[in-house]
Amino acid sequence: MTGHNATVDIEITTGYTPGPELDPTLAVQDTNVYGRVFDAPGLPQLAQEFARSGWAVRKSSWTEYEVRCAWAELDFFRTGDDTVFHGVLDPARAADLQTFFAAHGMSCSLEWA
């Protein structure tokens, strides 16, 4: 390859890709956040961005993806033209999630349950 770095897709199946486990204190919580992603690529590409950034990722249905790190476990899906998510997020790390999206040319809205 010349002129640019190639990115290699990570195989995402119904089993998680390598990555961190959700903090046990968060794992026992019910959904506490809902959100919408603006300027998101398709879900497979979004899942790849999370996987390349070290998050554990799995395909949770034919059309949905679940991503996980120590401070969040989120399900992403499409509703109409929107990319939305719900799950568990450590409120103290909300800015980190927003920073992740910004670093990948996206933004998100958050609504706390």
C-alpha atoms as a PDB file:
ATOM      1  CA  MET A   1       0.000   0.000   0.000  1.00  0.00           C
ATOM      2  CA  THR A   2       1.182   3.463  -0.721  1.00  0.00           C
ATOM      3  CA  GLY A   3       0.079   6.809   0.553  1.00  0.00           C
ATOM      4  CA  HIS A   4      -2.184   5.708   3.425  1.00  0.00           C
ATOM      5  CA  ASN A   5      -2.608   3.224   6.239  1.00  0.00           C
ATOM      6  CA  ALA A   6      -4.963   0.370   5.542  1.00  0.00           C
ATOM      7  CA  THR A   7      -7.375  -0.646   8.259  1.00  0.00           C
ATOM      8  CA  VAL A   8      -8.159  -4.297   8.642  1.00  0.00           C
ATOM      9  CA  ASP A   9     -11.676  -5.302   9.594  1.00  0.00           C
ATOM     10  CA  ILE A  10     -11.998  -7.293  12.793  1.00  0.00           C
ATOM     11  CA  GLU A  11     -14.285 -10.311  12.554  1.00  0.00           C
ATOM     12  CA  ILE A  12     -17.368  -9.601  14.644  1.00  0.00           C
ATOM     13  CA  THR A  13     -19.635 -12.543  15.458  1.00  0.00           C
ATOM     14  CA  THR A  14     -22.100 -13.334  18.245  1.00  0.00           C
ATOM     15  CA  GLY A  15     -19.143 -13.910  20.586  1.00  0.00           C
ATOM     16  CA  TYR A  16     -17.279 -10.880  21.908  1.00  0.00           C
ATOM     17  CA  THR A  17     -14.069  -9.698  20.291  1.00  0.00           C
ATOM     18  CA  PRO A  18     -11.156  -9.391  22.728  1.00  0.00           C
ATOM     19  CA  GLY A  19     -11.694  -6.539  25.150  1.00  0.00           C
ATOM     20  CA  PRO A  20     -12.443  -5.596  28.724  1.00  0.00           C
ATOM     21  CA  GLU A  21     -15.239  -6.887  30.910  1.00  0.00           C
ATOM     22  CA  LEU A  22     -17.829  -4.501  32.291  1.00  0.00           C
ATOM     23  CA  ASP A  23     -17.094  -3.449  35.878  1.00  0.00           C
ATOM     24  CA  PRO A  24     -19.085  -5.824  38.131  1.00  0.00           C
ATOM     25  CA  THR A  25     -20.694  -2.905  39.988  1.00  0.00           C
ATOM     26  CA  LEU A  26     -22.150  -1.696  36.675  1.00  0.00           C
ATOM     27  CA  ALA A  27     -23.057  -5.174  35.435  1.00  0.00           C
ATOM     28  CA  VAL A  28     -25.831  -5.491  38.025  1.00  0.00           C
ATOM     29  CA  GLN A  29     -27.479  -2.204  37.026  1.00  0.00           C
ATOM     30  CA  ASP A  30     -30.466  -1.827  34.754  1.00  0.00           C
ATOM     31  CA  THR A  31     -30.287   0.337  31.666  1.00  0.00           C
ATOM     32  CA  ASN A  32     -29.430   3.871  32.753  1.00  0.00           C
ATOM     33  CA  VAL A  33     -28.762   5.652  29.457  1.00  0.00           C
ATOM     34  CA  TYR A  34     -30.369   6.073  26.051  1.00  0.00           C
ATOM     35  CA  GLY A  35     -28.779   7.939  23.195  1.00  0.00           C
ATOM     36  CA  ARG A  36     -28.601   8.848  19.556  1.00  0.00           C
ATOM     37  CA  VAL A  37     -25.478   8.997  17.394  1.00  0.00           C
ATOM     38  CA  PHE A  38     -25.210  11.781  14.827  1.00  0.00           C
ATOM     39  CA  ASP A  39     -23.204  11.379  11.607  1.00  0.00           C
ATOM     40  CA  ALA A  40     -22.800   7.656  12.280  1.00  0.00           C
ATOM     41  CA  PRO A  41     -21.659   5.288   9.556  1.00  0.00           C
ATOM     42  CA  GLY A  42     -23.545   2.030   9.116  1.00  0.00           C
ATOM     43  CA  LEU A  43     -23.707  -0.208  12.184  1.00  0.00           C
ATOM     44  CA  PRO A  44     -21.041  -2.657  10.937  1.00  0.00           C
ATOM     45  CA  GLN A  45     -18.627   0.234  10.446  1.00  0.00           C
ATOM     46  CA  LEU A  46     -19.531   1.726  13.831  1.00  0.00           C
ATOM     47  CA  ALA A  47     -18.893  -1.640  15.479  1.00  0.00           C
ATOM     48  CA  GLN A  48     -15.500  -1.790  13.744  1.00  0.00           C
ATOM     49  CA  GLU A  49     -14.563   1.627  15.171  1.00  0.00           C
ATOM     50  CA  PHE A  50     -15.312   0.402  18.690  1.00  0.00           C
ATOM     51  CA  ALA A  51     -13.403  -2.858  18.140  1.00  0.00           C
ATOM     52  CA  ARG A  52     -10.350  -1.046  16.734  1.00  0.00           C
ATOM     53  CA  SER A  53     -10.424   1.194  19.819  1.00  0.00           C
ATOM     54  CA  GLY A  54     -10.132  -1.798  22.160  1.00  0.00           C
ATOM     55  CA  TRP A  55     -13.777  -2.272  23.142  1.00  0.00           C
ATOM     56  CA  ALA A  56     -15.238  -5.790  23.232  1.00  0.00           C
ATOM     57  CA  VAL A  57     -17.834  -6.006  20.442  1.00  0.00           C
ATOM     58  CA  ARG A  58     -20.337  -8.627  19.390  1.00  0.00           C
ATOM     59  CA  LYS A  59     -23.217  -8.937  16.998  1.00  0.00           C
ATOM     60  CA  SER A  60     -26.253  -9.272  19.282  1.00  0.00           C
ATOM     61  CA  SER A  61     -28.834  -9.894  16.532  1.00  0.00           C
ATOM     62  CA  TRP A  62     -29.081  -9.814  12.754  1.00  0.00           C
ATOM     63  CA  THR A  63     -29.075  -6.014  12.865  1.00  0.00           C
ATOM     64  CA  GLU A  64     -27.748  -4.957  16.299  1.00  0.00           C
ATOM     65  CA  TYR A  65     -24.337  -4.701  17.919  1.00  0.00           C
ATOM     66  CA  GLU A  66     -23.305  -4.654  21.562  1.00  0.00           C
ATOM     67  CA  VAL A  67     -20.110  -2.910  22.682  1.00  0.00           C
ATOM     68  CA  ARG A  68     -18.480  -3.148  26.079  1.00  0.00           C
ATOM     69  CA  CYS A  69     -15.612  -1.706  28.076  1.00  0.00           C
ATOM     70  CA  ALA A  70     -15.014  -1.448  31.820  1.00  0.00           C
ATOM     71  CA  TRP A  71     -17.334   1.543  32.147  1.00  0.00           C
ATOM     72  CA  ALA A  72     -20.083   0.922  29.573  1.00  0.00           C
ATOM     73  CA  GLU A  73     -22.124  -1.788  27.867  1.00  0.00           C
ATOM     74  CA  LEU A  74     -24.250  -0.421  25.042  1.00  0.00           C
ATOM     75  CA  ASP A  75     -26.569  -1.912  22.403  1.00  0.00           C
ATOM     76  CA  PHE A  76     -26.606  -0.097  19.041  1.00  0.00           C
ATOM     77  CA  PHE A  77     -29.398  -0.407  16.503  1.00  0.00           C
ATOM     78  CA  ARG A  78     -31.151   1.553  13.776  1.00  0.00           C
ATOM     79  CA  THR A  79     -34.617   3.006  13.965  1.00  0.00           C
ATOM     80  CA  GLY A  80     -35.549   4.602  10.685  1.00  0.00           C
ATOM     81  CA  ASP A  81     -32.552   6.676   9.636  1.00  0.00           C
ATOM     82  CA  ASP A  82     -31.273   7.088  13.206  1.00  0.00           C
ATOM     83  CA  THR A  83     -28.533   5.184  14.997  1.00  0.00           C
ATOM     84  CA  VAL A  84     -29.579   4.819  18.622  1.00  0.00           C
ATOM     85  CA  PHE A  85     -28.360   2.962  21.683  1.00  0.00           C
ATOM     86  CA  HIS A  86     -29.247   2.015  25.227  1.00  0.00           C
ATOM     87  CA  GLY A  87     -27.407   0.328  28.036  1.00  0.00           C
ATOM     88  CA  VAL A  88     -25.343   0.906  31.128  1.00  0.00           C
ATOM     89  CA  LEU A  89     -22.869   3.781  31.308  1.00  0.00           C
ATOM     90  CA  ASP A  90     -20.896   5.012  34.309  1.00  0.00           C
ATOM     91  CA  PRO A  91     -22.179   8.618  34.538  1.00  0.00           C
ATOM     92  CA  ALA A  92     -18.688   9.799  35.468  1.00  0.00           C
ATOM     93  CA  ARG A  93     -17.459   8.544  32.067  1.00  0.00           C
ATOM     94  CA  ALA A  94     -20.119  10.150  29.839  1.00  0.00           C
ATOM     95  CA  ALA A  95     -17.565  12.662  28.540  1.00  0.00           C
ATOM     96  CA  ASP A  96     -15.290   9.770  27.535  1.00  0.00           C
ATOM     97  CA  LEU A  97     -18.056   8.310  25.373  1.00  0.00           C
ATOM     98  CA  GLN A  98     -18.650  11.696  23.778  1.00  0.00           C
ATOM     99  CA  THR A  99     -14.891  12.027  23.173  1.00  0.00           C
ATOM    100  CA  PHE A 100     -14.860   8.618  21.466  1.00  0.00           C
ATOM    101  CA  PHE A 101     -17.577   9.729  19.064  1.00  0.00           C
ATOM    102  CA  ALA A 102     -15.900  13.091  18.410  1.00  0.00           C
ATOM    103  CA  ALA A 103     -12.587  11.367  17.632  1.00  0.00           C
ATOM    104  CA  HIS A 104     -14.411   9.381  14.940  1.00  0.00           C
ATOM    105  CA  GLY A 105     -16.270  12.313  13.381  1.00  0.00           C
ATOM    106  CA  MET A 106     -19.547  11.735  15.218  1.00  0.00           C
ATOM    107  CA  SER A 107     -21.451  13.132  18.174  1.00  0.00           C
ATOM    108  CA  CYS A 108     -24.152  11.784  20.453  1.00  0.00           C
ATOM    109  CA  SER A 109     -26.988  12.823  22.664  1.00  0.00           C
ATOM    110  CA  LEU A 110     -27.513  11.164  26.035  1.00  0.00           C
ATOM    111  CA  GLU A 111     -30.686  10.752  28.034  1.00  0.00           C
ATOM    112  CA  TRP A 112     -30.404   9.333  31.537  1.00  0.00           C
ATOM    113  CA  ALA A 113     -33.016   6.869  32.800  1.00  0.00           C
END
